[in-house]
C-alpha atoms as a PDB file:
ATOM      1  CA  MET A   1      -0.308   0.078  -0.263  1.00  0.00           C
ATOM      2  CA  LYS A   2       1.540   3.479  -1.121  1.00  0.00           C
ATOM      3  CA  MET A   3       1.373   5.827   1.966  1.00  0.00           C
ATOM      4  CA  LEU A   4       1.716   9.652   1.423  1.00  0.00           C
ATOM      5  CA  PHE A   5       3.839  11.032   4.013  1.00  0.00           C
ATOM      6  CA  SER A   6       4.300  14.748   4.533  1.00  0.00           C
ATOM      7  CA  ALA A   7       6.849  16.569   6.282  1.00  0.00           C
ATOM      8  CA  MET A   8       6.670  19.692   8.547  1.00  0.00           C
ATOM      9  CA  LEU A   9       9.192  21.398  10.137  1.00  0.00           C
ATOM     10  CA  LEU A  10       7.883  24.304  12.441  1.00  0.00           C
ATOM     11  CA  ALA A  11      10.139  27.387  13.126  1.00  0.00           C
ATOM     12  CA  ALA A  12       7.948  28.125  16.129  1.00  0.00           C
ATOM     13  CA  ALA A  13       3.983  27.436  16.753  1.00  0.00           C
ATOM     14  CA  ALA A  14       3.107  28.372  12.909  1.00  0.00           C
ATOM     15  CA  PRO A  15       2.323  26.153  10.068  1.00  0.00           C
ATOM     16  CA  CYS A  16       4.467  26.533   7.487  1.00  0.00           C
ATOM     17  CA  ALA A  17       4.604  24.739   3.775  1.00  0.00           C
ATOM     18  CA  ALA A  18       4.473  20.818   4.161  1.00  0.00           C
ATOM     19  CA  GLN A  19       7.052  18.765   2.544  1.00  0.00           C
ATOM     20  CA  GLU A  20       5.257  15.552   0.881  1.00  0.00           C
ATOM     21  CA  VAL A  21       7.595  12.566   0.567  1.00  0.00           C
ATOM     22  CA  ASP A  22       6.094   9.045  -0.988  1.00  0.00           C
ATOM     23  CA  LEU A  23       7.267   5.664   0.791  1.00  0.00           C
ATOM     24  CA  GLU A  24       6.325   2.399   0.179  1.00  0.00           C
ATOM     25  CA  SER A  25       5.012   1.063   3.267  1.00  0.00           C
ATOM     26  CA  GLY A  26       2.613  -1.973   4.311  1.00  0.00           C
ATOM     27  CA  SER A  27       1.157  -0.123   6.905  1.00  0.00           C
ATOM     28  CA  VAL A  28       1.045   3.101   8.840  1.00  0.00           C
ATOM     29  CA  VAL A  29       2.248   1.688  12.138  1.00  0.00           C
ATOM     30  CA  GLN A  30       5.023  -0.171  10.309  1.00  0.00           C
ATOM     31  CA  ALA A  31       6.465   3.611   8.946  1.00  0.00           C
ATOM     32  CA  VAL A  32       5.991   4.709  12.149  1.00  0.00           C
ATOM     33  CA  THR A  33       9.889   3.955  13.078  1.00  0.00           C
ATOM     34  CA  GLN A  34      10.883   5.807   9.533  1.00  0.00           C
ATOM     35  CA  LEU A  35       9.110   9.214  10.155  1.00  0.00           C
ATOM     36  CA  LYS A  36      11.692  12.199  11.030  1.00  0.00           C
ATOM     37  CA  ALA A  37      11.286  14.999  13.744  1.00  0.00           C
ATOM     38  CA  GLY A  38       8.134  16.803  12.690  1.00  0.00           C
ATOM     39  CA  GLN A  39       6.818  14.215  10.130  1.00  0.00           C
ATOM     40  CA  TYR A  40       3.755  12.455  10.219  1.00  0.00           C
ATOM     41  CA  VAL A  41       1.870  10.147   7.445  1.00  0.00           C
ATOM     42  CA  TRP A  42      -1.945  10.315   7.253  1.00  0.00           C
ATOM     43  CA  ALA A  43      -4.145   7.872   5.591  1.00  0.00           C
ATOM     44  CA  PRO A  44      -7.598   8.400   6.845  1.00  0.00           C
ATOM     45  CA  GLU A  45      -9.532   6.369   3.580  1.00  0.00           C
ATOM     46  CA  VAL A  46      -8.006   2.638   5.422  1.00  0.00           C
ATOM     47  CA  ALA A  47     -10.675   3.133   7.806  1.00  0.00           C
ATOM     48  CA  PRO A  48     -13.298   5.862   6.832  1.00  0.00           C
ATOM     49  CA  ARG A  49     -15.802   5.986   9.843  1.00  0.00           C
ATOM     50  CA  GLY A  50     -15.790   4.515  13.210  1.00  0.00           C
ATOM     51  CA  PRO A  51     -14.562   5.351  16.803  1.00  0.00           C
ATOM     52  CA  MET A  52     -11.519   6.609  17.467  1.00  0.00           C
ATOM     53  CA  LEU A  53      -8.431   6.275  19.659  1.00  0.00           C
ATOM     54  CA  LEU A  54      -4.695   8.502  19.963  1.00  0.00           C
ATOM     55  CA  ILE A  55      -1.860   6.494  21.690  1.00  0.00           C
ATOM     56  CA  VAL A  56       0.844   8.265  22.642  1.00  0.00           C
ATOM     57  CA  ASN A  57       4.424   7.019  23.685  1.00  0.00           C
ATOM     58  CA  VAL A  58       6.498   9.384  25.331  1.00  0.00           C
ATOM     59  CA  GLY A  59       9.304   6.615  25.251  1.00  0.00           C
ATOM     60  CA  THR A  60       9.252   6.859  21.188  1.00  0.00           C
ATOM     61  CA  GLN A  61       8.136  10.281  20.716  1.00  0.00           C
ATOM     62  CA  ARG A  62       5.342   8.540  18.414  1.00  0.00           C
ATOM     63  CA  ALA A  63       1.562   9.066  18.468  1.00  0.00           C
ATOM     64  CA  VAL A  64      -0.890   6.537  16.366  1.00  0.00           C
ATOM     65  CA  LEU A  65      -4.073   7.308  15.976  1.00  0.00           C
ATOM     66  CA  PHE A  66      -6.732   4.327  15.064  1.00  0.00           C
ATOM     67  CA  ARG A  67     -10.014   4.554  13.802  1.00  0.00           C
ATOM     68  CA  ASN A  68     -12.544   1.553  14.202  1.00  0.00           C
ATOM     69  CA  GLY A  69      -9.264  -0.360  15.669  1.00  0.00           C
ATOM     70  CA  VAL A  70      -6.996   0.474  12.616  1.00  0.00           C
ATOM     71  CA  PRO A  71      -4.106   3.102  12.028  1.00  0.00           C
ATOM     72  CA  ILE A  72      -4.752   5.578  10.094  1.00  0.00           C
ATOM     73  CA  ALA A  73      -2.400   8.097  10.868  1.00  0.00           C
ATOM     74  CA  ALA A  74       0.724   8.309  12.879  1.00  0.00           C
ATOM     75  CA  SER A  75       2.795  11.446  14.073  1.00  0.00           C
ATOM     76  CA  THR A  76       6.345  11.995  15.967  1.00  0.00           C
ATOM     77  CA  VAL A  77       5.595  14.520  18.794  1.00  0.00           C
ATOM     78  CA  SER A  78       7.455  16.247  21.878  1.00  0.00           C
ATOM     79  CA  THR A  79       6.317  15.636  25.195  1.00  0.00           C
ATOM     80  CA  GLY A  80       7.216  16.933  28.524  1.00  0.00           C
ATOM     81  CA  ARG A  81      10.881  17.853  29.121  1.00  0.00           C
ATOM     82  CA  PRO A  82      12.411  17.149  32.022  1.00  0.00           C
ATOM     83  CA  GLY A  83      10.587  18.546  34.956  1.00  0.00           C
ATOM     84  CA  HIS A  84       7.769  18.900  33.051  1.00  0.00           C
ATOM     85  CA  ALA A  85       7.206  15.738  32.324  1.00  0.00           C
ATOM     86  CA  THR A  86       3.553  14.556  30.352  1.00  0.00           C
ATOM     87  CA  PRO A  87       1.583  12.590  32.627  1.00  0.00           C
ATOM     88  CA  THR A  88       1.301   8.572  31.345  1.00  0.00           C
ATOM     89  CA  GLY A  89      -2.682   7.378  31.342  1.00  0.00           C
ATOM     90  CA  VAL A  90      -6.357   7.838  29.727  1.00  0.00           C
ATOM     91  CA  PHE A  91      -7.387  10.632  29.071  1.00  0.00           C
ATOM     92  CA  THR A  92     -10.170  12.387  27.101  1.00  0.00           C
ATOM     93  CA  ILE A  93     -10.658  15.395  24.875  1.00  0.00           C
ATOM     94  CA  LEU A  94     -11.826  17.887  27.047  1.00  0.00           C
ATOM     95  CA  GLN A  95     -12.044  21.100  24.984  1.00  0.00           C
ATOM     96  CA  LYS A  96     -10.838  22.216  21.671  1.00  0.00           C
ATOM     97  CA  HIS A  97      -9.906  25.607  20.475  1.00  0.00           C
ATOM     98  CA  VAL A  98      -8.595  26.625  16.923  1.00  0.00           C
ATOM     99  CA  GLU A  99      -6.771  29.298  18.139  1.00  0.00           C
ATOM    100  CA  HIS A 100      -5.491  29.532  21.981  1.00  0.00           C
ATOM    101  CA  TYR A 101      -2.970  30.684  24.016  1.00  0.00           C
ATOM    102  CA  SER A 102      -1.569  29.452  26.665  1.00  0.00           C
ATOM    103  CA  SER A 103      -2.276  30.410  30.698  1.00  0.00           C
ATOM    104  CA  LEU A 104       0.565  29.368  32.283  1.00  0.00           C
ATOM    105  CA  TYR A 105       3.010  30.358  29.671  1.00  0.00           C
ATOM    106  CA  ASP A 106       3.662  33.803  28.560  1.00  0.00           C
ATOM    107  CA  ASN A 107       0.227  33.405  26.611  1.00  0.00           C
ATOM    108  CA  ALA A 108       2.412  30.845  23.986  1.00  0.00           C
ATOM    109  CA  PRO A 109       0.240  30.257  20.851  1.00  0.00           C
ATOM    110  CA  MET A 110      -0.709  26.702  20.901  1.00  0.00           C
ATOM    111  CA  PRO A 111      -2.770  26.381  17.170  1.00  0.00           C
ATOM    112  CA  TYR A 112      -5.308  23.456  17.165  1.00  0.00           C
ATOM    113  CA  MET A 113      -5.460  22.778  21.424  1.00  0.00           C
ATOM    114  CA  GLN A 114      -7.558  20.032  22.338  1.00  0.00           C
ATOM    115  CA  ARG A 115      -7.199  19.889  26.200  1.00  0.00           C
ATOM    116  CA  LEU A 116      -6.681  16.701  27.878  1.00  0.00           C
ATOM    117  CA  THR A 117      -6.214  17.808  31.905  1.00  0.00           C
ATOM    118  CA  TRP A 118      -7.323  21.163  33.263  1.00  0.00           C
ATOM    119  CA  ARG A 119      -4.370  21.406  34.785  1.00  0.00           C
ATOM    120  CA  GLY A 120      -2.699  22.543  31.530  1.00  0.00           C
ATOM    121  CA  VAL A 121      -2.119  19.486  29.178  1.00  0.00           C
ATOM    122  CA  ALA A 122      -3.101  19.449  25.995  1.00  0.00           C
ATOM    123  CA  LEU A 123      -2.490  18.360  22.149  1.00  0.00           C
ATOM    124  CA  HIS A 124      -1.324  21.640  20.135  1.00  0.00           C
ATOM    125  CA  ALA A 125       0.555  22.524  17.107  1.00  0.00           C
ATOM    126  CA  GLY A 126       4.404  23.372  18.134  1.00  0.00           C
ATOM    127  CA  ASN A 127       8.111  23.081  18.288  1.00  0.00           C
ATOM    128  CA  LEU A 128       9.629  19.442  17.429  1.00  0.00           C
ATOM    129  CA  PRO A 129      13.280  18.976  17.909  1.00  0.00           C
ATOM    130  CA  GLY A 130      13.471  15.982  17.871  1.00  0.00           C
ATOM    131  CA  TYR A 131      13.221  15.474  21.888  1.00  0.00           C
ATOM    132  CA  PRO A 132      11.125  16.397  24.869  1.00  0.00           C
ATOM    133  CA  ALA A 133      10.763  19.823  25.168  1.00  0.00           C
ATOM    134  CA  SER A 134       7.500  21.093  26.136  1.00  0.00           C
ATOM    135  CA  HIS A 135       6.234  22.124  29.580  1.00  0.00           C
ATOM    136  CA  GLY A 136       3.641  19.175  29.086  1.00  0.00           C
ATOM    137  CA  CYS A 137       1.622  19.350  26.529  1.00  0.00           C
ATOM    138  CA  ILE A 138       2.311  16.936  23.247  1.00  0.00           C
ATOM    139  CA  ARG A 139       3.382  19.063  20.440  1.00  0.00           C
ATOM    140  CA  LEU A 140       2.364  17.776  17.063  1.00  0.00           C
ATOM    141  CA  PRO A 141       3.194  18.830  13.453  1.00  0.00           C
ATOM    142  CA  ALA A 142       0.959  22.106  12.479  1.00  0.00           C
ATOM    143  CA  GLU A 143      -0.253  20.543   9.337  1.00  0.00           C
ATOM    144  CA  PHE A 144      -1.292  17.153  11.291  1.00  0.00           C
ATOM    145  CA  ALA A 145      -2.533  18.818  14.426  1.00  0.00           C
ATOM    146  CA  LYS A 146      -5.110  20.323  12.069  1.00  0.00           C
ATOM    147  CA  LEU A 147      -6.074  17.222  10.313  1.00  0.00           C
ATOM    148  CA  LEU A 148      -6.626  15.824  13.667  1.00  0.00           C
ATOM    149  CA  TYR A 149      -8.542  18.565  14.999  1.00  0.00           C
ATOM    150  CA  GLY A 150     -10.930  18.181  11.823  1.00  0.00           C
ATOM    151  CA  GLU A 151     -11.579  14.278  12.868  1.00  0.00           C
ATOM    152  CA  THR A 152     -11.398  14.303  16.567  1.00  0.00           C
ATOM    153  CA  LYS A 153     -14.697  14.850  19.238  1.00  0.00           C
ATOM    154  CA  ILE A 154     -14.303  16.515  22.803  1.00  0.00           C
ATOM    155  CA  GLY A 155     -15.098  13.001  24.517  1.00  0.00           C
ATOM    156  CA  MET A 156     -12.193  10.970  22.497  1.00  0.00           C
ATOM    157  CA  THR A 157      -9.882   8.760  24.630  1.00  0.00           C
ATOM    158  CA  VAL A 158      -6.412   9.741  24.423  1.00  0.00           C
ATOM    159  CA  VAL A 159      -3.703   6.875  25.908  1.00  0.00           C
ATOM    160  CA  ILE A 160      -0.730   8.537  26.948  1.00  0.00           C
ATOM    161  CA  THR A 161       1.990   5.656  27.793  1.00  0.00           C
ATOM    162  CA  HIS A 162       6.125   5.346  28.162  1.00  0.00           C
ATOM    163  CA  GLU A 163       5.917   1.571  26.877  1.00  0.00           C
ATOM    164  CA  GLN A 164       8.624   1.354  24.201  1.00  0.00           C
ATOM    165  CA  SER A 165       7.313  -2.127  22.892  1.00  0.00           C
ATOM    166  CA  LEU A 166       4.561  -4.437  23.493  1.00  0.00           C
ATOM    167  CA  PRO A 167       5.309  -8.388  24.650  1.00  0.00           C
ATOM    168  CA  ARG A 168       4.680 -10.927  22.641  1.00  0.00           C
ATOM    169  CA  VAL A 169       1.947 -12.435  25.580  1.00  0.00           C
ATOM    170  CA  ALA A 170       0.037  -9.878  25.947  1.00  0.00           C
ATOM    171  CA  PRO A 171      -3.046  -9.682  28.836  1.00  0.00           C
ATOM    172  CA  THR A 172      -6.409  -9.542  27.149  1.00  0.00           C
ATOM    173  CA  PRO A 173      -9.645  -8.252  27.316  1.00  0.00           C
ATOM    174  CA  GLY A 174     -11.310 -11.704  29.342  1.00  0.00           C
ATOM    175  CA  ILE A 175     -13.635  -8.966  31.232  1.00  0.00           C
ATOM    176  CA  LEU A 176     -16.101  -9.311  28.727  1.00  0.00           C
ATOM    177  CA  SER A 177     -16.525 -13.004  27.844  1.00  0.00           C
ATOM    178  CA  GLN A 178     -15.844 -14.424  31.622  1.00  0.00           C
ATOM    179  CA  GLY A 179     -18.207 -15.149  34.915  1.00  0.00           C
ATOM    180  CA  ALA A 180     -17.501 -14.547  37.765  1.00  0.00           C
ATOM    181  CA  GLU A 181     -14.993 -17.005  39.260  1.00  0.00           C
ATOM    182  CA  THR A 182     -13.408 -15.306  42.031  1.00  0.00           C
ATOM    183  CA  THR A 183     -15.716 -14.323  45.010  1.00  0.00           C
ATOM    184  CA  GLY A 184     -16.575 -10.839  46.024  1.00  0.00           C
ATOM    185  CA  LEU A 185     -16.881  -9.167  42.194  1.00  0.00           C
ATOM    186  CA  ASP A 186     -20.330  -8.757  42.587  1.00  0.00           C
ATOM    187  CA  SER A 187     -19.790  -6.114  45.512  1.00  0.00           C
ATOM    188  CA  GLY A 188     -18.947  -2.315  44.438  1.00  0.00           C
ATOM    189  CA  PHE A 189     -20.479  -2.980  40.701  1.00  0.00           C
ATOM    190  CA  VAL A 190     -21.670   0.663  39.547  1.00  0.00           C
ATOM    191  CA  TRP A 191     -24.057   1.272  36.615  1.00  0.00           C
ATOM    192  CA  LYS A 192     -25.241   4.638  35.080  1.00  0.00           C
ATOM    193  CA  PRO A 193     -25.161   4.280  31.467  1.00  0.00           C
ATOM    194  CA  GLU A 194     -27.545   7.908  31.167  1.00  0.00           C
ATOM    195  CA  LYS A 195     -24.684   9.973  31.830  1.00  0.00           C
ATOM    196  CA  ALA A 196     -23.873   9.545  28.853  1.00  0.00           C
ATOM    197  CA  PRO A 197     -26.827   7.882  26.778  1.00  0.00           C
ATOM    198  CA  ASP A 198     -24.229   7.147  23.449  1.00  0.00           C
ATOM    199  CA  GLY A 199     -21.071   8.204  22.129  1.00  0.00           C
ATOM    200  CA  PRO A 200     -17.568   6.154  21.919  1.00  0.00           C
ATOM    201  CA  VAL A 201     -16.755   3.371  24.476  1.00  0.00           C
ATOM    202  CA  SER A 202     -13.143   2.868  26.338  1.00  0.00           C
ATOM    203  CA  ILE A 203     -13.105   0.442  28.868  1.00  0.00           C
ATOM    204  CA  LEU A 204     -10.075   0.950  31.404  1.00  0.00           C
ATOM    205  CA  VAL A 205      -8.738  -2.105  33.494  1.00  0.00           C
ATOM    206  CA  SER A 206      -6.480  -1.336  36.316  1.00  0.00           C
ATOM    207  CA  THR A 207      -4.833  -4.593  37.717  1.00  0.00           C
ATOM    208  CA  ALA A 208      -3.212  -2.780  40.470  1.00  0.00           C
ATOM    209  CA  ASP A 209      -6.335  -1.425  41.641  1.00  0.00           C
ATOM    210  CA  ARG A 210      -8.375  -4.429  40.829  1.00  0.00           C
ATOM    211  CA  ARG A 211     -10.817  -2.532  39.081  1.00  0.00           C
ATOM    212  CA  ALA A 212     -12.820  -1.923  35.491  1.00  0.00           C
ATOM    213  CA  ILE A 213     -14.085   1.679  34.603  1.00  0.00           C
ATOM    214  CA  VAL A 214     -16.320   2.176  31.713  1.00  0.00           C
ATOM    215  CA  ILE A 215     -16.182   5.529  29.659  1.00  0.00           C
ATOM    216  CA  ARG A 216     -18.983   6.946  27.521  1.00  0.00           C
ATOM    217  CA  ASN A 217     -18.166  10.138  25.164  1.00  0.00           C
ATOM    218  CA  GLY A 218     -15.743  11.273  27.892  1.00  0.00           C
ATOM    219  CA  LEU A 219     -17.595  10.095  31.042  1.00  0.00           C
ATOM    220  CA  VAL A 220     -17.484   7.311  33.487  1.00  0.00           C
ATOM    221  CA  ILE A 221     -20.862   5.344  33.195  1.00  0.00           C
ATOM    222  CA  GLY A 222     -20.401   2.610  35.632  1.00  0.00           C
ATOM    223  CA  SER A 223     -16.881   0.423  37.524  1.00  0.00           C
ATOM    224  CA  ALA A 224     -16.909  -3.127  38.762  1.00  0.00           C
ATOM    225  CA  PRO A 225     -14.118  -4.805  40.613  1.00  0.00           C
ATOM    226  CA  VAL A 226     -12.027  -7.457  38.396  1.00  0.00           C
ATOM    227  CA  SER A 227      -9.187 -10.143  39.114  1.00  0.00           C
ATOM    228  CA  VAL A 228      -6.797 -11.031  36.816  1.00  0.00           C
ATOM    229  CA  ASP A 229      -4.514 -14.611  36.818  1.00  0.00           C
ATOM    230  CA  GLY A 230      -0.501 -13.999  36.656  1.00  0.00           C
ATOM    231  CA  PRO A 231       1.335 -10.717  36.663  1.00  0.00           C
ATOM    232  CA  VAL A 232       0.416  -8.265  34.449  1.00  0.00           C
ATOM    233  CA  THR A 233       3.260  -4.561  34.104  1.00  0.00           C
ATOM    234  CA  GLY A 234       2.903  -1.910  31.686  1.00  0.00           C
ATOM    235  CA  THR A 235      -0.035  -0.440  29.304  1.00  0.00           C
ATOM    236  CA  TRP A 236      -1.839  -2.241  26.581  1.00  0.00           C
ATOM    237  CA  ALA A 237      -4.755  -1.606  24.201  1.00  0.00           C
ATOM    238  CA  TYR A 238      -7.298  -3.860  22.304  1.00  0.00           C
ATOM    239  CA  ALA A 239      -9.914  -2.785  19.972  1.00  0.00           C
ATOM    240  CA  LEU A 240     -13.225  -4.280  18.909  1.00  0.00           C
ATOM    241  CA  LYS A 241     -12.687  -5.014  15.639  1.00  0.00           C
ATOM    242  CA  ASN A 242     -15.756  -6.955  14.714  1.00  0.00           C
ATOM    243  CA  ILE A 243     -18.627  -9.397  16.211  1.00  0.00           C
ATOM    244  CA  ASP A 244     -20.187 -12.424  14.548  1.00  0.00           C
ATOM    245  CA  ALA A 245     -22.001 -16.049  14.992  1.00  0.00           C
ATOM    246  CA  ALA A 246     -18.477 -17.048  16.761  1.00  0.00           C
ATOM    247  CA  GLY A 247     -18.124 -14.062  19.219  1.00  0.00           C
ATOM    248  CA  GLN A 248     -16.483 -10.741  19.513  1.00  0.00           C
ATOM    249  CA  HIS A 249     -13.437 -10.376  17.928  1.00  0.00           C
ATOM    250  CA  TRP A 250     -10.623  -8.232  19.646  1.00  0.00           C
ATOM    251  CA  VAL A 251      -7.283  -7.091  18.111  1.00  0.00           C
ATOM    252  CA  ARG A 252      -3.824  -5.756  19.759  1.00  0.00           C
ATOM    253  CA  MET A 253      -3.642  -1.755  19.007  1.00  0.00           C
ATOM    254  CA  ALA A 254       0.161  -1.189  18.544  1.00  0.00           C
ATOM    255  CA  LEU A 255       2.041   1.155  21.133  1.00  0.00           C
ATOM    256  CA  SER A 256       5.264   0.391  18.655  1.00  0.00           C
ATOM    257  CA  ALA A 257       5.768  -1.691  15.519  1.00  0.00           C
ATOM    258  CA  LYS A 258       5.776  -5.015  16.439  1.00  0.00           C
ATOM    259  CA  PRO A 259       4.956  -7.690  14.183  1.00  0.00           C
ATOM    260  CA  SER A 260       2.025  -8.926  16.042  1.00  0.00           C
ATOM    261  CA  ASP A 261       0.364  -5.533  16.427  1.00  0.00           C
ATOM    262  CA  GLY A 262      -3.079  -5.858  14.972  1.00  0.00           C
ATOM    263  CA  ASP A 263      -3.257  -9.395  15.239  1.00  0.00           C
ATOM    264  CA  GLU A 264      -6.620 -10.686  16.652  1.00  0.00           C
ATOM    265  CA  ILE A 265      -6.600 -12.100  20.234  1.00  0.00           C
ATOM    266  CA  ALA A 266      -7.016 -15.650  20.757  1.00  0.00           C
ATOM    267  CA  LYS A 267      -9.840 -16.709  22.947  1.00  0.00           C
ATOM    268  CA  SER A 268      -7.360 -18.934  24.911  1.00  0.00           C
ATOM    269  CA  GLU A 269      -6.410 -16.144  26.234  1.00  0.00           C
ATOM    270  CA  TRP A 270      -9.284 -14.554  27.576  1.00  0.00           C
ATOM    271  CA  SER A 271      -9.360 -16.928  30.862  1.00  0.00           C
ATOM    272  CA  ARG A 272      -6.959 -14.668  32.486  1.00  0.00           C
ATOM    273  CA  PHE A 273      -9.574 -12.049  33.121  1.00  0.00           C
ATOM    274  CA  HIS A 274     -12.583 -12.075  35.843  1.00  0.00           C
ATOM    275  CA  ALA A 275     -15.749  -9.838  36.295  1.00  0.00           C
ATOM    276  CA  SER A 276     -18.952 -10.717  37.630  1.00  0.00           C
ATOM    277  CA  ASP A 277     -21.933 -11.579  34.968  1.00  0.00           C
ATOM    278  CA  ASP A 278     -23.889  -8.042  35.958  1.00  0.00           C
ATOM    279  CA  PHE A 279     -20.814  -5.814  34.966  1.00  0.00           C
ATOM    280  CA  ARG A 280     -20.079  -8.793  31.505  1.00  0.00           C
ATOM    281  CA  ARG A 281     -23.857  -8.527  30.990  1.00  0.00           C
ATOM    282  CA  ALA A 282     -23.562  -4.552  30.721  1.00  0.00           C
ATOM    283  CA  VAL A 283     -20.491  -3.875  28.982  1.00  0.00           C
ATOM    284  CA  ALA A 284     -22.063  -6.569  26.181  1.00  0.00           C
ATOM    285  CA  GLY A 285     -24.827  -4.255  25.677  1.00  0.00           C
ATOM    286  CA  ILE A 286     -22.914  -1.174  24.862  1.00  0.00           C
ATOM    287  CA  ILE A 287     -19.831  -2.398  23.032  1.00  0.00           C
ATOM    288  CA  GLU A 288     -19.736  -2.333  19.203  1.00  0.00           C
ATOM    289  CA  PRO A 289     -16.670  -2.109  16.506  1.00  0.00           C
ATOM    290  CA  GLY A 290     -14.440   0.263  17.589  1.00  0.00           C
ATOM    291  CA  THR A 291     -14.877  -0.129  21.387  1.00  0.00           C
ATOM    292  CA  THR A 292     -11.314   0.062  23.095  1.00  0.00           C
ATOM    293  CA  ILE A 293     -10.033  -1.585  25.875  1.00  0.00           C
ATOM    294  CA  ILE A 294      -7.110  -0.082  27.564  1.00  0.00           C
ATOM    295  CA  VAL A 295      -5.298  -2.944  30.285  1.00  0.00           C
ATOM    296  CA  THR A 296      -2.407  -0.959  32.372  1.00  0.00           C
ATOM    297  CA  SER A 297      -0.924  -2.402  35.896  1.00  0.00           C
ATOM    298  CA  ASP A 298      -0.651   1.273  36.823  1.00  0.00           C
ATOM    299  CA  SER A 299      -3.010   2.732  39.894  1.00  0.00           C
ATOM    300  CA  VAL A 300      -6.242   4.371  38.996  1.00  0.00           C
ATOM    301  CA  ALA A 301      -7.745   5.294  42.054  1.00  0.00           C
ATOM    302  CA  ALA A 302      -7.344   9.173  43.073  1.00  0.00           C
ATOM    303  CA  ASN A 303      -5.090   8.020  46.006  1.00  0.00           C
ATOM    304  CA  GLY A 304      -3.414   5.253  45.023  1.00  0.00           C
ATOM    305  CA  VAL A 305       0.325   4.661  44.797  1.00  0.00           C
ATOM    306  CA  LYS A 306       0.850   6.182  41.412  1.00  0.00           C
ATOM    307  CA  PRO A 307      -2.120   7.652  40.252  1.00  0.00           C
ATOM    308  CA  VAL A 308      -1.112   8.640  36.731  1.00  0.00           C
ATOM    309  CA  THR A 309      -3.946   8.026  34.701  1.00  0.00           C
ATOM    310  CA  VAL A 310      -6.462  11.323  34.972  1.00  0.00           C
ATOM    311  CA  LEU A 311     -10.322  10.562  33.852  1.00  0.00           C
ATOM    312  CA  GLU A 312     -12.081  13.906  33.932  1.00  0.00           C
ATOM    313  CA  GLY A 313     -15.621  15.144  32.641  1.00  0.00           C
ATOM    314  CA  PRO A 314     -16.387  18.314  31.597  1.00  0.00           C
ATOM    315  CA  GLN A 315     -15.141  21.315  33.829  1.00  0.00           C
ATOM    316  CA  GLN A 316     -18.667  22.717  35.753  1.00  0.00           C
END
């Protein structure tokens, strides 16, 4: 498949003319490692419709955009420099402004700003020197920031991770298929789908907290205890490719360009995760192709040991 690459060199945050480069590549993800500072690839025609998720990797200084579980774009980024680290975790887009200026750093321009926290972390166009250089925001090439802005909606999920790669055998989203085989999983089940009647669905599973959180259209609509067999480290993401007579078909969503990324998850791997029947049935009733699951070994609790994940609803 022929991918069209556009390179953008930024003198500051202002856009400048794009340099287009033709490159033969099997997929957007396989092209990620070839991108140089300021470059990106944009191929939305690969998956024209469906829910989207953006994964930003601060370790590789790359971002990959998925639609319906398929990578449709990738870009180099510049995240927070030492002392101003970009937080890792699961976020939602809270606010969007085409023309925005920082209230924290000398009214600095932040074109095509997409806010991830109310404490100063956002996606926006900016200078990309090839290494972490921001005050915590995620800088993007100017033209990529504009294209991304045009495709996203408030409530879309953004995963920020430091993982350099995925293991060959990763944990899987068995919470949607397994019954309550562990005692106590029924306690603490909360389900309020009326808080967000529709919109993209993401399910966050923290093995540190032994809990799953369901997010629809950027708002938490439910949570429940989960248990997992065996150790889990790092962060992984999955997307529901389709549902047919054989059941649900989930694929890995790449945090890096490994050959196994994009492979369908074997049903035999589902036995590691356990949740109550009530939670399983509730989630099964709202998922659709494009639904994402993020599994992390980090705590998402407000008072957890490593509260790296931030989930924030609209500002009141």
